[in-house]
Amino acid sequence: MRSLRPHTLRARLTLGLLVLLAVSCAAVGLAAVVELNGFLTSRLDEQLTEAGNRFAVSLEHKEEPKKDDHDGDERADTRRQATGTFGARLVDGTVTNAAVVRPTGTLNVGLTAADRRRLAAVPADGRGHSVGLSSLDDYRVIATRGLDGDVLITGMPLEPVEAAVHRLELVAGIVFGAALTAAGVAGALWVRWSLRPLSRVAATATRVSELPLASGEVALPPRAPESDPRGEVGRVAGAFNRMLGHVEDALTKRHASEERLRSFAADASHELRTPVASVRGHAELALLHPGPLPPEITRALQRIAAESTRMGAMVDDLLLLARLDAGRPLERAPVDFTRLVLDALTDARATGSGHRWELDLPEDPVTVTGDAHRLQQVLANLLSNARLHTPAGTKVTVTLETDGTTASLKVHDDGPGIPEDIQPGVFERFTRADRSTKAETGGAGLGLSIVAAVVEAHGGSVTLESGPGSTTFTVRIGDA
């Protein structure tokens, strides 16, 4: 039933119009049928009153006429009686005589027991009553008292009345059906024409909903045509266009702000590379001094060198992200992904000897199209993330698969997992899970954001599934 309900406003308006029109036609038709039936029945009652009980009186004190007997002496008086007139005489509630006028004369009527009971139940009040006689048809009868205390019933058939009423019902059904059909077609066209501005607004809204509004420069579609502002549809179109104007202004300002921030990050990162490298170089040069140095000075120089090295890596990461945000193309060349995975796992085993590292590779080498250096950075960041954020003894499994068109890399560990409140923003910049990470060994929260940016620049995707005892990063890259 739910699928049969109209879903569009146009369909609902058209259906509502047809329902209202159908109810109105049904009410008019019912009133006409009832009025015509009452009018014809009252006219039939008037005819019965004018005819009186002459035909029924002619049956009084006579023997029952023989069927098909056309003798004038043995036939009841049928003068001035319409064909089909029914007459009956009842004595003490029992029908003694019953006949009907035919074109050939008066004929006896064989009444059933049910017919006799119906006739006996007619009150002798001189008013019309409808009676159904199985041997004849539906009749309109009037019962009056005779001179001998008997009851005389005179009736006329209701068939002409019923025929006229049925004729009216047929004509009304045909006319109202045609009217409903014409009104449905005309109403659908009228509603469609009236709602054209709203359809244009819906089409524009659909195009806007399909635009990527999260980032970058967005070109909104042309505004919806506005109609008469005095109508509801015109007001909706005007308000929608004003809303699109506000959205476009906000997106333009956001894009300009992003561009300024991206330019600042790129410029700052580029400018910081030289002084950071200089600081690190001077610290390392001071540590190479041949003369004795106080332990405090040696420790300070070592910390300066370590932090400058860490700051240099952070600056390089920020510069990479700024370049990726700016849409700078990466190198596109065939890359032996299997070899990159083997090298990355070898480096991870060397730096994370306290972890258990396992590798699952397909028999044939997997080749993808992309930037080998950036893909190697993706692998290094994922394995480093698994090493830094899990305790010693954690098992890390690297699985590489391909279906011929897409390479799938999975890095799974059985560590404590990533907290649920961090998972939605795990690929955002400067997101850190401070479980066991220390400033000396941990990063700045840019590793996974670089993974996501590089993979997206290759037209791929990266996802996370994490829970206690199971964390899996899945990287998919096409053109395998």
Protein backbone atom coordinates (compact mmCIF):
# COMPACT_ATOMS: atom_id res chain seq x y z
CA MET A 1 0.00 0.00 0.00
CA ARG A 2 2.84 2.40 0.75
CA SER A 3 4.17 2.08 -2.83
CA LEU A 4 0.77 3.12 -4.23
CA ARG A 5 0.75 6.42 -2.35
CA PRO A 6 1.67 9.48 -4.42
CA HIS A 7 5.12 10.79 -3.53
CA THR A 8 5.28 14.09 -5.40
CA LEU A 9 3.39 17.24 -4.50
CA ARG A 10 1.99 17.38 -8.03
CA ALA A 11 0.56 13.86 -7.73
CA ARG A 12 -0.91 14.58 -4.29
CA LEU A 13 -2.57 17.79 -5.46
CA THR A 14 -4.01 16.09 -8.54
CA LEU A 15 -5.24 13.14 -6.50
CA GLY A 16 -6.79 15.47 -3.92
CA LEU A 17 -8.58 17.38 -6.69
CA LEU A 18 -9.94 14.15 -8.16
CA VAL A 19 -11.04 12.87 -4.75
CA LEU A 20 -12.91 16.11 -4.00
CA LEU A 21 -14.49 16.09 -7.45
CA ALA A 22 -15.43 12.40 -7.10
CA VAL A 23 -17.05 13.06 -3.72
CA SER A 24 -18.96 16.02 -5.18
CA CYS A 25 -20.11 14.00 -8.18
CA ALA A 26 -21.16 11.12 -5.94
CA ALA A 27 -23.11 13.49 -3.70
CA VAL A 28 -24.84 15.14 -6.67
CA GLY A 29 -25.60 11.79 -8.29
CA LEU A 30 -26.94 10.30 -5.06
CA ALA A 31 -29.12 13.34 -4.42
CA ALA A 32 -30.47 13.22 -7.99
CA VAL A 33 -31.23 9.49 -7.80
CA VAL A 34 -32.93 9.80 -4.40
CA GLU A 35 -34.93 12.84 -5.53
CA LEU A 36 -35.99 11.22 -8.81
CA ASN A 37 -36.96 7.99 -7.06
CA GLY A 38 -39.01 9.90 -4.49
CA PHE A 39 -40.64 12.06 -7.14
CA LEU A 40 -41.63 9.14 -9.39
CA THR A 41 -42.81 7.11 -6.41
CA SER A 42 -45.01 9.98 -5.22
CA ARG A 43 -46.44 10.32 -8.73
CA LEU A 44 -47.16 6.60 -8.69
CA ASP A 45 -48.92 7.01 -5.34
CA GLU A 46 -51.02 9.80 -6.86
CA GLN A 47 -52.00 7.50 -9.73
CA LEU A 48 -52.99 4.80 -7.28
CA THR A 49 -55.05 7.29 -5.30
CA GLU A 50 -56.82 8.50 -8.46
CA ALA A 51 -57.45 4.93 -9.62
CA GLY A 52 -58.96 4.07 -6.23
CA ASN A 53 -59.93 0.49 -5.47
CA ARG A 54 -62.23 -0.07 -8.44
CA PHE A 55 -60.19 -2.98 -9.73
CA ALA A 56 -60.03 -4.61 -6.30
CA VAL A 57 -63.77 -4.02 -5.81
CA SER A 58 -64.41 -5.81 -9.10
CA LEU A 59 -62.89 -8.89 -7.49
CA GLU A 60 -65.25 -8.68 -4.52
CA HIS A 61 -68.05 -11.33 -4.39
CA LYS A 62 -66.86 -12.88 -7.64
CA GLU A 63 -65.46 -16.25 -8.36
CA GLU A 64 -61.86 -16.31 -9.28
CA PRO A 65 -61.59 -15.75 -13.01
CA LYS A 66 -60.17 -18.51 -15.00
CA LYS A 67 -56.78 -18.08 -16.49
CA ASP A 68 -56.86 -17.14 -20.19
CA ASP A 69 -60.69 -16.88 -19.99
CA HIS A 70 -61.74 -13.92 -22.15
CA ASP A 71 -65.50 -14.17 -21.53
CA GLY A 72 -66.78 -10.72 -20.58
CA ASP A 73 -69.12 -12.17 -17.90
CA GLU A 74 -66.38 -14.19 -16.19
CA ARG A 75 -63.71 -11.48 -16.39
CA ALA A 76 -63.24 -8.84 -13.72
CA ASP A 77 -63.91 -5.22 -14.61
CA THR A 78 -60.71 -3.86 -16.21
CA ARG A 79 -62.14 -0.68 -17.69
CA ARG A 80 -59.92 2.33 -17.22
CA GLN A 81 -57.24 0.19 -15.57
CA ALA A 82 -53.63 0.47 -16.73
CA THR A 83 -51.81 -2.63 -17.86
CA GLY A 84 -49.96 -4.20 -14.96
CA THR A 85 -52.45 -3.01 -12.32
CA PHE A 86 -52.60 -5.47 -9.46
CA GLY A 87 -55.64 -6.16 -7.31
CA ALA A 88 -56.16 -8.37 -4.30
CA ARG A 89 -58.92 -9.02 -1.75
CA LEU A 90 -58.18 -10.15 1.82
CA VAL A 91 -60.72 -11.50 4.28
CA ASP A 92 -59.57 -11.91 7.87
CA GLY A 93 -55.97 -11.46 6.74
CA THR A 94 -56.20 -14.17 4.08
CA VAL A 95 -55.90 -13.45 0.37
CA THR A 96 -59.04 -14.72 -1.36
CA ASN A 97 -58.59 -13.16 -4.76
CA ALA A 98 -55.56 -11.77 -6.64
CA ALA A 99 -55.33 -10.71 -10.26
CA VAL A 100 -53.35 -8.46 -12.57
CA VAL A 101 -54.42 -6.54 -15.65
CA ARG A 102 -52.80 -7.72 -18.89
CA PRO A 103 -53.30 -6.43 -22.43
CA THR A 104 -55.45 -9.51 -23.12
CA GLY A 105 -57.55 -9.15 -19.94
CA THR A 106 -57.45 -10.03 -16.30
CA LEU A 107 -55.30 -12.92 -15.22
CA ASN A 108 -55.17 -14.73 -11.94
CA VAL A 109 -51.91 -14.49 -10.00
CA GLY A 110 -50.45 -17.49 -8.28
CA LEU A 111 -49.13 -16.10 -5.03
CA THR A 112 -46.63 -17.89 -2.85
CA ALA A 113 -47.04 -18.14 0.89
CA ALA A 114 -44.43 -15.43 1.34
CA ASP A 115 -46.33 -13.16 -1.09
CA ARG A 116 -49.56 -13.69 0.85
CA ARG A 117 -47.81 -12.80 4.13
CA ARG A 118 -46.40 -9.62 2.61
CA LEU A 119 -49.83 -8.57 1.33
CA ALA A 120 -51.42 -9.34 4.68
CA ALA A 121 -48.82 -7.13 6.39
CA VAL A 122 -49.74 -4.05 4.31
CA PRO A 123 -51.61 -1.61 6.62
CA ALA A 124 -55.01 -0.43 5.37
CA ASP A 125 -54.15 3.25 5.78
CA GLY A 126 -54.71 4.44 2.22
CA ARG A 127 -51.03 5.28 1.75
CA GLY A 128 -48.54 3.81 -0.68
CA HIS A 129 -46.25 0.95 0.33
CA SER A 130 -43.63 -0.97 -1.63
CA VAL A 131 -44.06 -4.73 -1.77
CA GLY A 132 -41.92 -7.31 -3.52
CA LEU A 133 -43.99 -10.12 -5.09
CA SER A 134 -41.95 -13.07 -6.27
CA SER A 135 -44.55 -14.08 -8.81
CA LEU A 136 -44.66 -10.59 -10.33
CA ASP A 137 -42.14 -7.91 -9.36
CA ASP A 138 -41.83 -4.96 -7.05
CA TYR A 139 -45.15 -3.16 -6.67
CA ARG A 140 -46.42 0.01 -5.08
CA VAL A 141 -49.72 -0.86 -3.34
CA ILE A 142 -52.49 0.90 -1.38
CA ALA A 143 -54.75 -1.01 0.98
CA THR A 144 -58.28 0.22 1.94
CA ARG A 145 -61.20 -1.22 3.86
CA GLY A 146 -64.11 -2.64 1.83
CA LEU A 147 -67.83 -2.42 2.64
CA ASP A 148 -67.89 -6.00 3.87
CA GLY A 149 -65.02 -5.51 6.31
CA ASP A 150 -62.55 -7.00 3.88
CA VAL A 151 -59.29 -5.37 2.75
CA LEU A 152 -58.90 -4.31 -0.86
CA ILE A 153 -55.39 -3.85 -2.26
CA THR A 154 -54.60 -2.04 -5.47
CA GLY A 155 -51.04 -1.78 -6.82
CA MET A 156 -49.02 -0.66 -9.79
CA PRO A 157 -45.58 -1.97 -10.83
CA LEU A 158 -42.45 -0.10 -9.73
CA GLU A 159 -40.59 -1.24 -12.84
CA PRO A 160 -41.00 2.11 -14.71
CA VAL A 161 -39.74 3.97 -11.65
CA GLU A 162 -36.79 1.61 -11.24
CA ALA A 163 -36.02 1.76 -14.95
CA ALA A 164 -35.94 5.56 -14.88
CA VAL A 165 -33.75 5.56 -11.76
CA HIS A 166 -31.35 3.00 -13.24
CA ARG A 167 -31.23 5.03 -16.43
CA LEU A 168 -30.29 8.09 -14.43
CA GLU A 169 -27.63 6.12 -12.55
CA LEU A 170 -26.13 4.92 -15.83
CA VAL A 171 -26.14 8.36 -17.40
CA ALA A 172 -24.73 9.94 -14.23
CA GLY A 173 -21.99 7.32 -14.03
CA ILE A 174 -20.97 7.90 -17.65
CA VAL A 175 -21.10 11.68 -17.40
CA PHE A 176 -19.33 11.85 -14.04
CA GLY A 177 -16.70 9.33 -15.18
CA ALA A 178 -15.97 11.39 -18.28
CA ALA A 179 -15.90 14.54 -16.15
CA LEU A 180 -13.47 12.95 -13.69
CA THR A 181 -11.20 11.79 -16.52
CA ALA A 182 -11.20 15.19 -18.18
CA ALA A 183 -10.72 16.93 -14.84
CA GLY A 184 -7.85 14.58 -13.95
CA VAL A 185 -5.99 15.30 -17.20
CA ALA A 186 -6.70 19.05 -17.07
CA GLY A 187 -5.91 19.20 -13.34
CA ALA A 188 -2.59 17.37 -13.79
CA LEU A 189 -1.58 19.77 -16.57
CA TRP A 190 -2.68 22.80 -14.56
CA VAL A 191 -0.89 21.67 -11.39
CA ARG A 192 2.23 20.86 -13.38
CA TRP A 193 2.18 24.28 -15.01
CA SER A 194 1.56 26.00 -11.66
CA LEU A 195 4.42 24.14 -9.96
CA ARG A 196 7.01 24.68 -12.69
CA PRO A 197 8.92 27.27 -10.62
CA LEU A 198 9.02 24.84 -7.70
CA SER A 199 10.33 22.09 -10.00
CA ARG A 200 13.11 24.43 -11.11
CA VAL A 201 13.96 25.14 -7.47
CA ALA A 202 14.09 21.38 -6.78
CA ALA A 203 16.34 20.81 -9.81
CA THR A 204 18.70 23.57 -8.68
CA ALA A 205 18.74 22.19 -5.12
CA THR A 206 19.56 18.72 -6.49
CA ARG A 207 22.51 20.10 -8.46
CA VAL A 208 23.76 21.96 -5.37
CA SER A 209 23.47 18.80 -3.24
CA GLU A 210 25.72 16.96 -5.70
CA LEU A 211 28.53 19.51 -5.41
CA PRO A 212 31.56 18.79 -3.16
CA LEU A 213 31.28 21.64 -0.66
CA ALA A 214 33.79 20.40 1.90
CA SER A 215 36.84 22.06 0.42
CA GLY A 216 38.22 23.83 -2.61
CA GLU A 217 36.63 26.37 -4.89
CA VAL A 218 32.95 25.69 -5.55
CA ALA A 219 30.97 27.07 -8.49
CA LEU A 220 27.28 27.05 -7.64
CA PRO A 221 24.75 26.48 -10.45
CA PRO A 222 22.63 29.33 -11.84
CA ARG A 223 19.88 30.58 -9.57
CA ALA A 224 16.37 29.17 -9.86
CA PRO A 225 14.05 31.37 -11.98
CA GLU A 226 11.86 33.47 -9.73
CA SER A 227 8.12 33.82 -10.30
CA ASP A 228 5.48 36.08 -8.80
CA PRO A 229 6.74 36.97 -5.30
CA ARG A 230 3.16 37.29 -4.11
CA GLY A 231 2.65 33.52 -4.39
CA GLU A 232 3.98 30.79 -2.15
CA VAL A 233 6.12 29.24 -4.91
CA GLY A 234 7.59 32.63 -5.78
CA ARG A 235 8.48 33.28 -2.15
CA VAL A 236 10.14 29.86 -1.88
CA ALA A 237 12.17 30.49 -5.05
CA GLY A 238 13.22 33.94 -3.82
CA ALA A 239 14.24 32.67 -0.39
CA PHE A 240 16.14 29.76 -1.96
CA ASN A 241 18.06 32.08 -4.26
CA ARG A 242 18.95 34.38 -1.37
CA MET A 243 20.15 31.37 0.59
CA LEU A 244 22.32 30.28 -2.36
CA GLY A 245 23.78 33.77 -2.46
CA HIS A 246 24.73 33.58 1.22
CA VAL A 247 26.17 30.08 0.74
CA GLU A 248 28.20 31.25 -2.25
CA ASP A 249 29.58 34.20 -0.28
CA ALA A 250 30.49 31.91 2.63
CA LEU A 251 32.17 29.39 0.32
CA THR A 252 34.11 32.14 -1.43
CA LYS A 253 35.35 33.53 1.88
CA ARG A 254 36.20 30.04 3.12
CA HIS A 255 38.14 29.26 -0.04
CA ALA A 256 40.04 32.54 0.22
CA SER A 257 40.84 31.80 3.87
CA GLU A 258 42.02 28.30 2.97
CA GLU A 259 44.21 29.69 0.22
CA ARG A 260 45.75 32.24 2.59
CA LEU A 261 46.33 29.57 5.24
CA ARG A 262 47.77 27.14 2.70
CA SER A 263 50.04 29.82 1.29
CA PHE A 264 51.15 30.80 4.79
CA ALA A 265 51.88 27.17 5.73
CA ALA A 266 53.86 26.63 2.54
CA ASP A 267 55.79 29.86 2.88
CA ALA A 268 56.46 29.36 6.58
CA SER A 269 57.57 25.77 6.06
CA HIS A 270 59.83 26.76 3.22
CA GLU A 271 61.34 29.64 5.18
CA LEU A 272 61.83 27.53 8.32
CA ARG A 273 63.77 24.77 6.58
CA THR A 274 66.99 26.80 6.34
CA PRO A 275 67.14 28.13 9.95
CA VAL A 276 66.16 24.76 11.39
CA ALA A 277 68.86 23.06 9.39
CA SER A 278 71.30 25.76 10.50
CA VAL A 279 70.43 25.25 14.18
CA ARG A 280 70.87 21.51 13.83
CA GLY A 281 74.19 21.97 12.04
CA HIS A 282 75.57 24.33 14.70
CA ALA A 283 74.48 21.96 17.50
CA GLU A 284 76.16 19.01 15.82
CA LEU A 285 79.30 21.12 15.16
CA ALA A 286 79.45 22.13 18.82
CA LEU A 287 79.22 18.50 19.87
CA LEU A 288 82.27 17.76 17.69
CA HIS A 289 84.42 20.27 19.61
CA PRO A 290 87.64 18.48 20.62
CA GLY A 291 87.88 20.14 23.99
CA PRO A 292 86.06 18.98 27.12
CA LEU A 293 82.49 20.22 27.58
CA PRO A 294 80.48 20.26 30.79
CA PRO A 295 77.84 17.49 30.89
CA GLU A 296 75.06 20.06 31.08
CA ILE A 297 76.25 21.73 27.87
CA THR A 298 76.61 18.39 26.12
CA ARG A 299 73.07 17.39 27.14
CA ALA A 300 71.69 20.73 26.00
CA LEU A 301 73.41 20.48 22.63
CA GLN A 302 72.12 16.94 22.16
CA ARG A 303 68.58 18.10 22.92
CA ILE A 304 68.95 21.02 20.52
CA ALA A 305 70.10 18.68 17.78
CA ALA A 306 67.26 16.18 18.45
CA GLU A 307 64.54 18.82 18.57
CA SER A 308 65.87 20.58 15.51
CA THR A 309 65.84 17.26 13.67
CA ARG A 310 62.25 16.67 14.82
CA MET A 311 61.29 20.22 13.83
CA GLY A 312 62.86 19.76 10.42
CA ALA A 313 60.79 16.60 9.83
CA MET A 314 57.67 18.49 10.92
CA VAL A 315 58.47 21.35 8.55
CA ASP A 316 58.96 18.87 5.69
CA ASP A 317 55.60 17.25 6.50
CA LEU A 318 53.80 20.59 6.59
CA LEU A 319 55.38 21.59 3.29
CA LEU A 320 54.29 18.30 1.74
CA LEU A 321 50.72 18.76 2.95
CA ALA A 322 50.65 22.32 1.64
CA ARG A 323 51.81 21.13 -1.76
CA LEU A 324 49.21 18.35 -1.83
CA ASP A 325 46.50 20.80 -0.78
CA ALA A 326 47.55 23.09 -3.62
CA GLY A 327 46.92 20.21 -6.02
CA ARG A 328 50.45 19.86 -7.25
CA PRO A 329 50.63 16.68 -9.33
CA LEU A 330 52.66 13.73 -8.09
CA GLU A 331 54.94 11.64 -10.21
CA ARG A 332 53.05 9.02 -12.21
CA ALA A 333 55.12 5.97 -13.05
CA PRO A 334 54.91 2.19 -12.55
CA VAL A 335 55.90 1.32 -8.99
CA ASP A 336 56.80 -2.14 -7.65
CA PHE A 337 54.54 -2.00 -4.61
CA THR A 338 55.74 -5.38 -3.38
CA ARG A 339 59.34 -4.14 -3.22
CA LEU A 340 58.27 -1.03 -1.30
CA VAL A 341 56.42 -3.19 1.25
CA LEU A 342 59.45 -5.46 1.71
CA ASP A 343 61.81 -2.50 2.23
CA ALA A 344 59.41 -0.77 4.64
CA LEU A 345 59.00 -3.92 6.72
CA THR A 346 62.77 -4.44 6.84
CA ASP A 347 63.23 -0.91 8.19
CA ALA A 348 60.42 -1.44 10.72
CA ARG A 349 62.04 -4.62 12.03
CA ALA A 350 65.31 -2.79 12.49
CA THR A 351 63.77 0.09 14.47
CA GLY A 352 61.10 -1.94 16.27
CA SER A 353 62.84 -5.11 17.34
CA GLY A 354 60.52 -5.43 20.32
CA HIS A 355 57.53 -6.07 18.03
CA ARG A 356 56.64 -9.16 16.05
CA TRP A 357 56.43 -8.38 12.35
CA GLU A 358 54.72 -10.66 9.83
CA LEU A 359 54.24 -10.30 6.09
CA ASP A 360 51.65 -11.81 3.74
CA LEU A 361 52.36 -11.19 0.05
CA PRO A 362 50.83 -12.61 -3.14
CA GLU A 363 52.94 -14.87 -5.32
CA ASP A 364 53.22 -12.38 -8.17
CA PRO A 365 54.62 -8.86 -7.73
CA VAL A 366 52.05 -6.07 -7.40
CA THR A 367 52.61 -2.97 -9.53
CA VAL A 368 50.76 0.32 -9.18
CA THR A 369 50.97 3.67 -10.94
CA GLY A 370 52.11 6.51 -8.71
CA ASP A 371 54.91 8.29 -6.90
CA ALA A 372 57.31 5.72 -5.40
CA HIS A 373 58.80 8.14 -2.86
CA ARG A 374 55.39 9.22 -1.53
CA LEU A 375 54.07 5.67 -1.42
CA GLN A 376 57.14 4.66 0.54
CA GLN A 377 56.34 7.49 2.94
CA VAL A 378 52.80 6.11 3.35
CA LEU A 379 54.17 2.66 4.27
CA ALA A 380 56.73 4.13 6.65
CA ASN A 381 54.14 6.25 8.44
CA LEU A 382 51.70 3.35 8.87
CA LEU A 383 54.37 1.00 10.24
CA SER A 384 55.84 3.73 12.43
CA ASN A 385 52.36 4.46 13.78
CA ALA A 386 51.90 0.77 14.65
CA ARG A 387 55.31 0.67 16.37
CA LEU A 388 55.00 3.90 18.36
CA HIS A 389 51.43 3.43 19.60
CA THR A 390 51.56 -0.23 20.66
CA PRO A 391 53.52 -1.87 23.48
CA ALA A 392 56.47 -4.18 22.95
CA GLY A 393 55.50 -7.70 21.93
CA THR A 394 52.62 -6.53 19.75
CA LYS A 395 52.12 -8.52 16.58
CA VAL A 396 51.96 -6.39 13.42
CA THR A 397 50.83 -8.09 10.18
CA VAL A 398 51.23 -6.47 6.76
CA THR A 399 49.04 -7.96 4.02
CA LEU A 400 49.19 -7.04 0.33
CA GLU A 401 46.45 -8.18 -2.06
CA THR A 402 45.26 -7.34 -5.56
CA ASP A 403 42.28 -8.15 -7.74
CA GLY A 404 43.99 -7.11 -10.94
CA THR A 405 42.77 -3.51 -10.88
CA THR A 406 43.15 -2.40 -7.25
CA ALA A 407 45.96 -3.02 -4.78
CA SER A 408 44.90 -3.43 -1.16
CA LEU A 409 47.38 -2.98 1.69
CA LYS A 410 46.37 -3.86 5.26
CA VAL A 411 48.41 -3.07 8.37
CA HIS A 412 46.93 -4.96 11.33
CA ASP A 413 48.10 -5.04 14.95
CA ASP A 414 46.73 -6.72 18.07
CA GLY A 415 47.51 -3.78 20.34
CA PRO A 416 45.12 -1.94 22.65
CA GLY A 417 43.37 -0.15 19.78
CA ILE A 418 42.59 3.50 19.11
CA PRO A 419 40.14 5.25 21.48
CA GLU A 420 36.69 5.69 19.96
CA ASP A 421 36.65 9.45 20.54
CA ILE A 422 39.80 9.83 18.42
CA GLN A 423 38.84 7.53 15.53
CA PRO A 424 36.57 10.01 13.63
CA GLY A 425 39.45 12.53 13.34
CA VAL A 426 42.38 10.15 13.18
CA PHE A 427 43.33 11.30 9.66
CA GLU A 428 43.14 14.99 10.54
CA ARG A 429 46.25 17.04 11.17
CA PHE A 430 47.83 17.23 14.63
CA THR A 431 45.66 14.37 15.93
CA ARG A 432 47.55 12.39 18.58
CA ALA A 433 46.63 9.56 20.90
CA ASP A 434 48.78 10.22 23.96
CA ARG A 435 48.85 6.70 25.29
CA SER A 436 52.51 5.79 25.34
CA THR A 437 53.80 8.49 23.01
CA LYS A 438 56.53 10.73 24.32
CA ALA A 439 57.65 14.00 22.88
CA GLU A 440 61.12 12.56 22.23
CA THR A 441 59.84 9.66 20.15
CA GLY A 442 56.35 10.61 19.01
CA GLY A 443 55.43 12.73 16.04
CA ALA A 444 53.39 15.88 15.73
CA GLY A 445 50.22 14.11 14.66
CA LEU A 446 50.86 14.60 10.94
CA GLY A 447 51.73 11.02 9.94
CA LEU A 448 48.23 9.71 9.26
CA SER A 449 47.12 12.99 7.68
CA ILE A 450 50.01 12.61 5.21
CA VAL A 451 48.93 9.02 4.56
CA ALA A 452 45.40 10.15 3.75
CA ALA A 453 46.56 13.08 1.58
CA VAL A 454 49.03 10.99 -0.45
CA VAL A 455 46.58 8.12 -0.96
CA GLU A 456 43.83 10.53 -2.07
CA ALA A 457 46.30 12.21 -4.44
CA HIS A 458 46.76 8.75 -6.00
CA GLY A 459 42.98 8.41 -6.39
CA GLY A 460 42.75 5.82 -3.62
CA SER A 461 41.26 5.59 -0.14
CA VAL A 462 42.34 4.72 3.39
CA THR A 463 40.06 3.42 6.14
CA LEU A 464 40.37 2.44 9.78
CA GLU A 465 38.77 -0.33 11.82
CA SER A 466 39.83 -0.39 15.47
CA GLY A 467 38.81 -2.01 18.71
CA PRO A 468 40.49 -3.52 21.75
CA GLY A 469 43.01 -6.09 20.49
CA SER A 470 42.54 -5.31 16.78
CA THR A 471 43.41 -2.27 14.66
CA THR A 472 43.51 -2.36 10.86
CA PHE A 473 44.46 0.38 8.40
CA THR A 474 43.41 -0.47 4.83
CA VAL A 475 44.87 1.39 1.83
CA ARG A 476 43.38 0.85 -1.62
CA ILE A 477 45.06 2.17 -4.77
CA GLY A 478 43.81 1.59 -8.29
CA ASP A 479 45.61 0.78 -11.54
CA ALA A 480 47.22 -2.26 -9.98
